[in-house]
Amino acid sequence: MRQPKQFFVYIMSNDPKSAVLYTGITGDLVHRVWQHKNKLVPGFTGRYNLTRLVYYERFFYPDAAIDREKEIKAWRRSKKIKLIESMNPRWDDLAKDWQTLYQPEAASDLREIPRPAGENAGLRDDAFRYDYGRSADKTSHSR
């Protein structure tokens, strides 16, 4: 039988009680933390070296996780610090021993980040694109 889907709200930091905190949501906490630690997704967490998992919560319903993430993001820093310290008073990296839990195969390291659905959903940047100047015939693609 298949495991039920789980969702996690988490907080990443770069040092104990650092100036930078990041709150996120994911369906695969081990994989997502691995991405942060290896700086595989460009952006805020990579730029500020946010590689320490200092807090997380587990949910079984996505809407509850989304609501909680929004709630935490709206809080002042002092309230976020109290939340972290309620679970992790020493600001330990809760994922320091997780590196062996998620070891992707070599081919999966090259996966693209999913894009939002749209007219060109599923097409790579170098794939054929629909030429809007021509008829709606699917064979009229250009490079």
N, C-alpha and C. Protein backbone atom coordinates (compact mmCIF):
# COMPACT_ATOMS: atom_id res chain seq x y z
N MET A 1 0.84 -1.17 0.00
CA MET A 1 0.00 0.00 0.00
C MET A 1 0.89 1.24 0.00
N ARG A 2 0.46 2.23 -0.70
CA ARG A 2 1.22 3.46 -0.85
C ARG A 2 1.13 4.33 0.41
N GLN A 3 2.27 4.93 0.77
CA GLN A 3 2.32 5.84 1.92
C GLN A 3 1.49 7.08 1.62
N PRO A 4 0.78 7.61 2.62
CA PRO A 4 0.04 8.86 2.38
C PRO A 4 1.01 10.01 2.15
N LYS A 5 0.61 10.94 1.33
CA LYS A 5 1.44 12.12 1.03
C LYS A 5 1.56 12.96 2.29
N GLN A 6 2.75 13.50 2.49
CA GLN A 6 3.00 14.38 3.62
C GLN A 6 3.53 15.71 3.11
N PHE A 7 3.33 16.74 3.87
CA PHE A 7 3.79 18.08 3.52
C PHE A 7 4.52 18.65 4.73
N PHE A 8 5.54 19.44 4.46
CA PHE A 8 6.35 19.98 5.54
C PHE A 8 6.51 21.49 5.37
N VAL A 9 6.40 22.19 6.48
CA VAL A 9 6.77 23.60 6.55
C VAL A 9 8.08 23.60 7.32
N TYR A 10 9.06 24.31 6.81
CA TYR A 10 10.38 24.24 7.41
C TYR A 10 11.04 25.62 7.44
N ILE A 11 12.04 25.76 8.31
CA ILE A 11 12.82 27.00 8.38
C ILE A 11 14.29 26.64 8.24
N MET A 12 14.96 27.32 7.33
CA MET A 12 16.40 27.16 7.10
C MET A 12 17.11 28.40 7.62
N SER A 13 18.35 28.22 8.06
CA SER A 13 19.18 29.32 8.55
C SER A 13 20.61 29.06 8.11
N ASN A 14 21.49 30.05 8.32
CA ASN A 14 22.89 29.84 7.96
C ASN A 14 23.78 29.66 9.19
N ASP A 15 23.42 30.16 10.31
CA ASP A 15 24.18 30.02 11.55
C ASP A 15 23.20 30.06 12.71
N PRO A 16 23.64 29.57 13.87
CA PRO A 16 22.75 29.70 15.02
C PRO A 16 22.40 31.17 15.26
N LYS A 17 21.13 31.41 15.41
CA LYS A 17 20.61 32.76 15.65
C LYS A 17 21.13 33.77 14.63
N SER A 18 21.25 33.35 13.41
CA SER A 18 21.76 34.24 12.36
C SER A 18 20.76 35.33 12.00
N ALA A 19 21.20 36.22 11.17
CA ALA A 19 20.35 37.31 10.73
C ALA A 19 19.38 36.88 9.64
N VAL A 20 19.57 35.69 9.08
CA VAL A 20 18.77 35.28 7.92
C VAL A 20 17.99 34.00 8.22
N LEU A 21 16.68 34.04 7.98
CA LEU A 21 15.81 32.88 8.11
C LEU A 21 15.01 32.74 6.82
N TYR A 22 14.71 31.49 6.44
CA TYR A 22 13.89 31.22 5.26
C TYR A 22 12.84 30.20 5.64
N THR A 23 11.59 30.50 5.37
CA THR A 23 10.49 29.57 5.62
C THR A 23 10.00 29.04 4.29
N GLY A 24 9.87 27.72 4.19
CA GLY A 24 9.43 27.11 2.95
C GLY A 24 8.45 25.97 3.20
N ILE A 25 7.98 25.40 2.10
CA ILE A 25 7.04 24.28 2.15
C ILE A 25 7.48 23.26 1.10
N THR A 26 7.31 21.97 1.41
CA THR A 26 7.71 20.93 0.47
C THR A 26 6.94 19.64 0.76
N GLY A 27 6.91 18.77 -0.21
CA GLY A 27 6.32 17.45 -0.04
C GLY A 27 7.38 16.40 0.23
N ASP A 28 8.65 16.76 0.14
CA ASP A 28 9.75 15.83 0.38
C ASP A 28 10.85 16.58 1.10
N LEU A 29 10.79 16.59 2.42
CA LEU A 29 11.71 17.40 3.22
C LEU A 29 13.16 16.98 3.05
N VAL A 30 13.42 15.68 3.03
CA VAL A 30 14.80 15.20 2.90
C VAL A 30 15.41 15.68 1.58
N HIS A 31 14.68 15.53 0.50
CA HIS A 31 15.17 15.96 -0.81
C HIS A 31 15.35 17.48 -0.87
N ARG A 32 14.38 18.21 -0.35
CA ARG A 32 14.45 19.67 -0.41
C ARG A 32 15.62 20.21 0.40
N VAL A 33 15.85 19.66 1.59
CA VAL A 33 16.99 20.09 2.41
C VAL A 33 18.29 19.75 1.69
N TRP A 34 18.34 18.59 1.07
CA TRP A 34 19.53 18.20 0.29
C TRP A 34 19.79 19.23 -0.81
N GLN A 35 18.73 19.69 -1.48
CA GLN A 35 18.89 20.72 -2.51
C GLN A 35 19.45 22.01 -1.91
N HIS A 36 18.94 22.42 -0.76
CA HIS A 36 19.44 23.63 -0.10
C HIS A 36 20.91 23.46 0.30
N LYS A 37 21.25 22.34 0.89
CA LYS A 37 22.62 22.12 1.35
C LYS A 37 23.62 22.09 0.19
N ASN A 38 23.18 21.61 -0.95
CA ASN A 38 24.06 21.52 -2.12
C ASN A 38 23.88 22.69 -3.08
N LYS A 39 23.08 23.66 -2.68
CA LYS A 39 22.84 24.89 -3.45
C LYS A 39 22.48 24.59 -4.91
N LEU A 40 21.54 23.67 -5.10
CA LEU A 40 21.14 23.26 -6.44
C LEU A 40 20.06 24.14 -7.06
N VAL A 41 19.35 24.89 -6.23
CA VAL A 41 18.31 25.77 -6.75
C VAL A 41 18.76 27.20 -6.50
N PRO A 42 19.04 27.93 -7.57
CA PRO A 42 19.52 29.31 -7.38
C PRO A 42 18.45 30.17 -6.74
N GLY A 43 18.88 31.09 -5.92
CA GLY A 43 17.92 31.99 -5.28
C GLY A 43 18.36 32.40 -3.90
N PHE A 44 17.39 32.76 -3.10
CA PHE A 44 17.61 33.32 -1.77
C PHE A 44 18.44 32.42 -0.87
N THR A 45 18.08 31.12 -0.77
CA THR A 45 18.77 30.24 0.16
C THR A 45 20.22 30.01 -0.25
N GLY A 46 20.49 29.93 -1.53
CA GLY A 46 21.86 29.77 -1.99
C GLY A 46 22.68 31.03 -1.79
N ARG A 47 22.07 32.16 -2.07
CA ARG A 47 22.77 33.45 -1.96
C ARG A 47 23.19 33.73 -0.52
N TYR A 48 22.36 33.33 0.44
CA TYR A 48 22.65 33.60 1.85
C TYR A 48 23.17 32.37 2.60
N ASN A 49 23.53 31.32 1.87
CA ASN A 49 24.13 30.11 2.44
C ASN A 49 23.25 29.50 3.54
N LEU A 50 21.97 29.40 3.27
CA LEU A 50 21.02 28.83 4.24
C LEU A 50 21.02 27.31 4.10
N THR A 51 21.87 26.67 4.86
CA THR A 51 22.06 25.22 4.74
C THR A 51 21.72 24.46 6.02
N ARG A 52 21.22 25.13 7.03
CA ARG A 52 20.88 24.48 8.31
C ARG A 52 19.37 24.42 8.48
N LEU A 53 18.86 23.21 8.62
CA LEU A 53 17.44 23.03 8.93
C LEU A 53 17.29 23.22 10.44
N VAL A 54 16.58 24.27 10.84
CA VAL A 54 16.45 24.55 12.26
C VAL A 54 15.04 24.29 12.81
N TYR A 55 14.06 24.08 11.91
CA TYR A 55 12.70 23.85 12.37
C TYR A 55 11.89 23.20 11.25
N TYR A 56 10.96 22.32 11.62
CA TYR A 56 9.99 21.81 10.64
C TYR A 56 8.75 21.29 11.33
N GLU A 57 7.66 21.28 10.58
CA GLU A 57 6.38 20.71 11.01
C GLU A 57 5.87 19.82 9.89
N ARG A 58 5.14 18.76 10.25
CA ARG A 58 4.59 17.84 9.25
C ARG A 58 3.08 17.98 9.18
N PHE A 59 2.55 17.91 7.95
CA PHE A 59 1.10 18.01 7.71
C PHE A 59 0.67 16.90 6.75
N PHE A 60 -0.59 16.53 6.84
CA PHE A 60 -1.14 15.54 5.92
C PHE A 60 -2.05 16.16 4.87
N TYR A 61 -2.38 17.43 5.04
CA TYR A 61 -3.23 18.12 4.08
C TYR A 61 -2.47 19.33 3.54
N PRO A 62 -2.40 19.46 2.22
CA PRO A 62 -1.61 20.56 1.64
C PRO A 62 -2.13 21.94 2.02
N ASP A 63 -3.45 22.11 2.11
CA ASP A 63 -3.97 23.43 2.45
C ASP A 63 -3.58 23.85 3.86
N ALA A 64 -3.49 22.89 4.78
CA ALA A 64 -3.06 23.21 6.15
C ALA A 64 -1.59 23.64 6.16
N ALA A 65 -0.77 22.97 5.37
CA ALA A 65 0.65 23.33 5.29
C ALA A 65 0.83 24.70 4.66
N ILE A 66 0.10 24.98 3.61
CA ILE A 66 0.19 26.28 2.94
C ILE A 66 -0.24 27.40 3.88
N ASP A 67 -1.33 27.18 4.59
CA ASP A 67 -1.80 28.19 5.56
C ASP A 67 -0.76 28.44 6.65
N ARG A 68 -0.14 27.36 7.14
CA ARG A 68 0.86 27.51 8.19
C ARG A 68 2.10 28.25 7.68
N GLU A 69 2.53 27.93 6.47
CA GLU A 69 3.68 28.63 5.89
C GLU A 69 3.40 30.13 5.79
N LYS A 70 2.22 30.48 5.30
CA LYS A 70 1.86 31.89 5.19
C LYS A 70 1.81 32.56 6.56
N GLU A 71 1.27 31.83 7.54
CA GLU A 71 1.19 32.38 8.89
C GLU A 71 2.59 32.69 9.43
N ILE A 72 3.51 31.72 9.32
CA ILE A 72 4.87 31.90 9.84
C ILE A 72 5.58 33.02 9.09
N LYS A 73 5.43 33.07 7.79
CA LYS A 73 6.10 34.12 7.00
C LYS A 73 5.64 35.52 7.40
N ALA A 74 4.42 35.64 7.89
CA ALA A 74 3.89 36.94 8.28
C ALA A 74 4.35 37.38 9.66
N TRP A 75 4.93 36.47 10.42
CA TRP A 75 5.36 36.78 11.78
C TRP A 75 6.60 37.68 11.80
N ARG A 76 6.75 38.38 12.92
CA ARG A 76 7.99 39.12 13.18
C ARG A 76 9.11 38.10 13.47
N ARG A 77 10.32 38.55 13.29
CA ARG A 77 11.48 37.70 13.51
C ARG A 77 11.49 37.13 14.94
N SER A 78 11.16 37.93 15.93
CA SER A 78 11.20 37.48 17.33
C SER A 78 10.26 36.29 17.56
N LYS A 79 9.12 36.30 16.92
CA LYS A 79 8.17 35.19 17.08
C LYS A 79 8.69 33.94 16.38
N LYS A 80 9.35 34.10 15.22
CA LYS A 80 9.95 32.96 14.52
C LYS A 80 11.05 32.34 15.37
N ILE A 81 11.85 33.18 16.03
CA ILE A 81 12.92 32.68 16.89
C ILE A 81 12.34 31.88 18.05
N LYS A 82 11.26 32.35 18.65
CA LYS A 82 10.60 31.61 19.73
C LYS A 82 10.10 30.26 19.23
N LEU A 83 9.54 30.23 18.03
CA LEU A 83 9.06 28.98 17.46
C LEU A 83 10.22 28.00 17.26
N ILE A 84 11.31 28.47 16.69
CA ILE A 84 12.48 27.61 16.47
C ILE A 84 12.99 27.07 17.80
N GLU A 85 13.12 27.95 18.78
CA GLU A 85 13.67 27.54 20.07
C GLU A 85 12.74 26.63 20.87
N SER A 86 11.45 26.61 20.52
CA SER A 86 10.53 25.68 21.18
C SER A 86 10.83 24.23 20.78
N MET A 87 11.38 24.03 19.60
CA MET A 87 11.72 22.69 19.12
C MET A 87 13.22 22.45 19.17
N ASN A 88 14.00 23.50 18.98
CA ASN A 88 15.43 23.36 18.77
C ASN A 88 16.17 24.49 19.52
N PRO A 89 16.24 24.43 20.84
CA PRO A 89 16.79 25.55 21.62
C PRO A 89 18.25 25.88 21.32
N ARG A 90 19.04 24.92 20.86
CA ARG A 90 20.46 25.19 20.55
C ARG A 90 20.68 25.51 19.07
N TRP A 91 19.63 25.57 18.30
CA TRP A 91 19.71 25.86 16.86
C TRP A 91 20.59 24.84 16.14
N ASP A 92 20.50 23.57 16.55
CA ASP A 92 21.25 22.51 15.86
C ASP A 92 20.74 22.36 14.44
N ASP A 93 21.57 21.85 13.56
CA ASP A 93 21.14 21.51 12.21
C ASP A 93 20.41 20.17 12.32
N LEU A 94 19.09 20.19 12.21
CA LEU A 94 18.28 18.99 12.39
C LEU A 94 18.50 17.97 11.28
N ALA A 95 19.16 18.38 10.21
CA ALA A 95 19.41 17.50 9.08
C ALA A 95 20.89 17.20 8.90
N LYS A 96 21.69 17.38 9.93
CA LYS A 96 23.15 17.21 9.76
C LYS A 96 23.53 15.79 9.36
N ASP A 97 22.73 14.80 9.74
CA ASP A 97 23.03 13.41 9.41
C ASP A 97 22.18 12.87 8.25
N TRP A 98 21.51 13.75 7.54
CA TRP A 98 20.61 13.31 6.48
C TRP A 98 21.28 13.09 5.13
N GLN A 99 22.53 13.44 4.97
CA GLN A 99 23.17 13.36 3.66
C GLN A 99 23.12 11.97 3.06
N THR A 100 23.13 10.95 3.89
CA THR A 100 23.07 9.58 3.37
C THR A 100 21.65 9.13 3.09
N LEU A 101 20.65 9.88 3.56
CA LEU A 101 19.26 9.49 3.33
C LEU A 101 18.81 9.77 1.91
N TYR A 102 19.33 10.81 1.30
CA TYR A 102 18.93 11.15 -0.06
C TYR A 102 20.18 11.22 -0.93
N GLN A 103 20.37 10.20 -1.74
CA GLN A 103 21.47 10.18 -2.68
C GLN A 103 20.90 9.88 -4.06
N PRO A 104 20.65 10.92 -4.83
CA PRO A 104 20.03 10.71 -6.15
C PRO A 104 20.97 10.00 -7.10
N GLU A 105 20.37 9.34 -8.08
CA GLU A 105 21.16 8.73 -9.14
C GLU A 105 21.75 9.84 -9.98
N ALA A 106 22.82 9.54 -10.67
CA ALA A 106 23.52 10.56 -11.45
C ALA A 106 22.60 11.25 -12.45
N ALA A 107 21.72 10.51 -13.12
CA ALA A 107 20.84 11.11 -14.13
C ALA A 107 19.83 12.05 -13.50
N SER A 108 19.37 11.76 -12.30
CA SER A 108 18.34 12.61 -11.69
C SER A 108 18.91 13.94 -11.20
N ASP A 109 20.22 14.07 -11.10
CA ASP A 109 20.83 15.35 -10.73
C ASP A 109 20.57 16.41 -11.78
N LEU A 110 20.32 15.99 -13.01
CA LEU A 110 20.18 16.91 -14.12
C LEU A 110 18.74 17.30 -14.41
N ARG A 111 17.82 16.89 -13.55
CA ARG A 111 16.41 17.19 -13.79
C ARG A 111 16.17 18.69 -13.79
N GLU A 112 15.21 19.09 -14.61
CA GLU A 112 14.82 20.50 -14.65
C GLU A 112 13.86 20.80 -13.52
N ILE A 113 13.85 22.03 -13.09
CA ILE A 113 12.87 22.48 -12.11
C ILE A 113 11.54 22.59 -12.84
N PRO A 114 10.45 22.03 -12.29
CA PRO A 114 9.16 22.08 -12.98
C PRO A 114 8.71 23.52 -13.21
N ARG A 115 8.08 23.72 -14.36
CA ARG A 115 7.54 25.03 -14.70
C ARG A 115 6.04 25.01 -14.52
N PRO A 116 5.44 26.18 -14.37
CA PRO A 116 3.98 26.22 -14.30
C PRO A 116 3.38 25.77 -15.63
N ALA A 117 2.20 25.20 -15.56
CA ALA A 117 1.53 24.77 -16.78
C ALA A 117 1.13 25.98 -17.60
N GLY A 118 1.16 25.83 -18.88
CA GLY A 118 0.79 26.91 -19.79
C GLY A 118 0.76 26.39 -21.19
N GLU A 119 0.69 27.28 -22.15
CA GLU A 119 0.62 26.84 -23.54
C GLU A 119 1.84 26.03 -23.94
N ASN A 120 3.01 26.41 -23.46
CA ASN A 120 4.23 25.69 -23.82
C ASN A 120 4.70 24.77 -22.70
N ALA A 121 3.80 24.35 -21.82
CA ALA A 121 4.18 23.48 -20.71
C ALA A 121 4.80 22.21 -21.25
N GLY A 122 5.87 21.80 -20.64
CA GLY A 122 6.52 20.56 -21.04
C GLY A 122 7.58 20.76 -22.09
N LEU A 123 7.65 21.90 -22.73
CA LEU A 123 8.67 22.13 -23.74
C LEU A 123 9.93 22.67 -23.10
N ARG A 124 11.06 22.13 -23.51
CA ARG A 124 12.33 22.68 -23.06
C ARG A 124 12.60 23.95 -23.85
N ASP A 125 13.55 24.74 -23.38
CA ASP A 125 13.89 25.99 -24.06
C ASP A 125 14.38 25.74 -25.48
N ASP A 126 15.04 24.60 -25.71
CA ASP A 126 15.58 24.34 -27.03
C ASP A 126 14.66 23.47 -27.89
N ALA A 127 13.47 23.17 -27.39
CA ALA A 127 12.52 22.34 -28.14
C ALA A 127 11.75 23.20 -29.14
N PHE A 128 10.99 22.51 -29.98
CA PHE A 128 10.16 23.23 -30.94
C PHE A 128 9.16 24.11 -30.22
N ARG A 129 8.90 25.26 -30.77
CA ARG A 129 7.90 26.18 -30.20
C ARG A 129 6.82 26.43 -31.24
N TYR A 130 5.64 26.67 -30.75
CA TYR A 130 4.51 26.94 -31.62
C TYR A 130 4.67 28.30 -32.26
N ASP A 131 4.48 28.37 -33.56
CA ASP A 131 4.58 29.63 -34.29
C ASP A 131 3.19 30.24 -34.35
N TYR A 132 2.95 31.30 -33.58
CA TYR A 132 1.64 31.91 -33.48
C TYR A 132 1.25 32.65 -34.74
N GLY A 133 2.18 32.92 -35.63
CA GLY A 133 1.87 33.63 -36.86
C GLY A 133 1.24 32.73 -37.90
N ARG A 134 1.28 31.43 -37.71
CA ARG A 134 0.74 30.48 -38.67
C ARG A 134 -0.60 29.93 -38.19
N SER A 135 -1.11 29.01 -38.94
CA SER A 135 -2.40 28.39 -38.58
C SER A 135 -2.25 27.57 -37.31
N ALA A 136 -3.36 27.13 -36.76
CA ALA A 136 -3.36 26.37 -35.53
C ALA A 136 -2.96 24.91 -35.74
N ASP A 137 -2.55 24.56 -36.95
CA ASP A 137 -2.12 23.21 -37.26
C ASP A 137 -0.90 22.87 -36.40
N LYS A 138 -0.92 21.73 -35.73
CA LYS A 138 0.16 21.34 -34.83
C LYS A 138 1.47 21.08 -35.58
N THR A 139 1.44 20.90 -36.89
CA THR A 139 2.66 20.63 -37.63
C THR A 139 3.43 21.91 -37.93
N SER A 140 2.87 23.05 -37.71
CA SER A 140 3.55 24.31 -38.03
C SER A 140 4.34 24.80 -36.83
N HIS A 141 5.45 24.15 -36.59
CA HIS A 141 6.37 24.55 -35.52
C HIS A 141 7.64 25.08 -36.17
N SER A 142 8.33 25.93 -35.49
CA SER A 142 9.60 26.42 -36.00
C SER A 142 10.61 26.36 -34.87
N ARG A 143 11.88 26.34 -35.22
CA ARG A 143 12.96 26.32 -34.22
C ARG A 143 13.31 27.69 -33.79
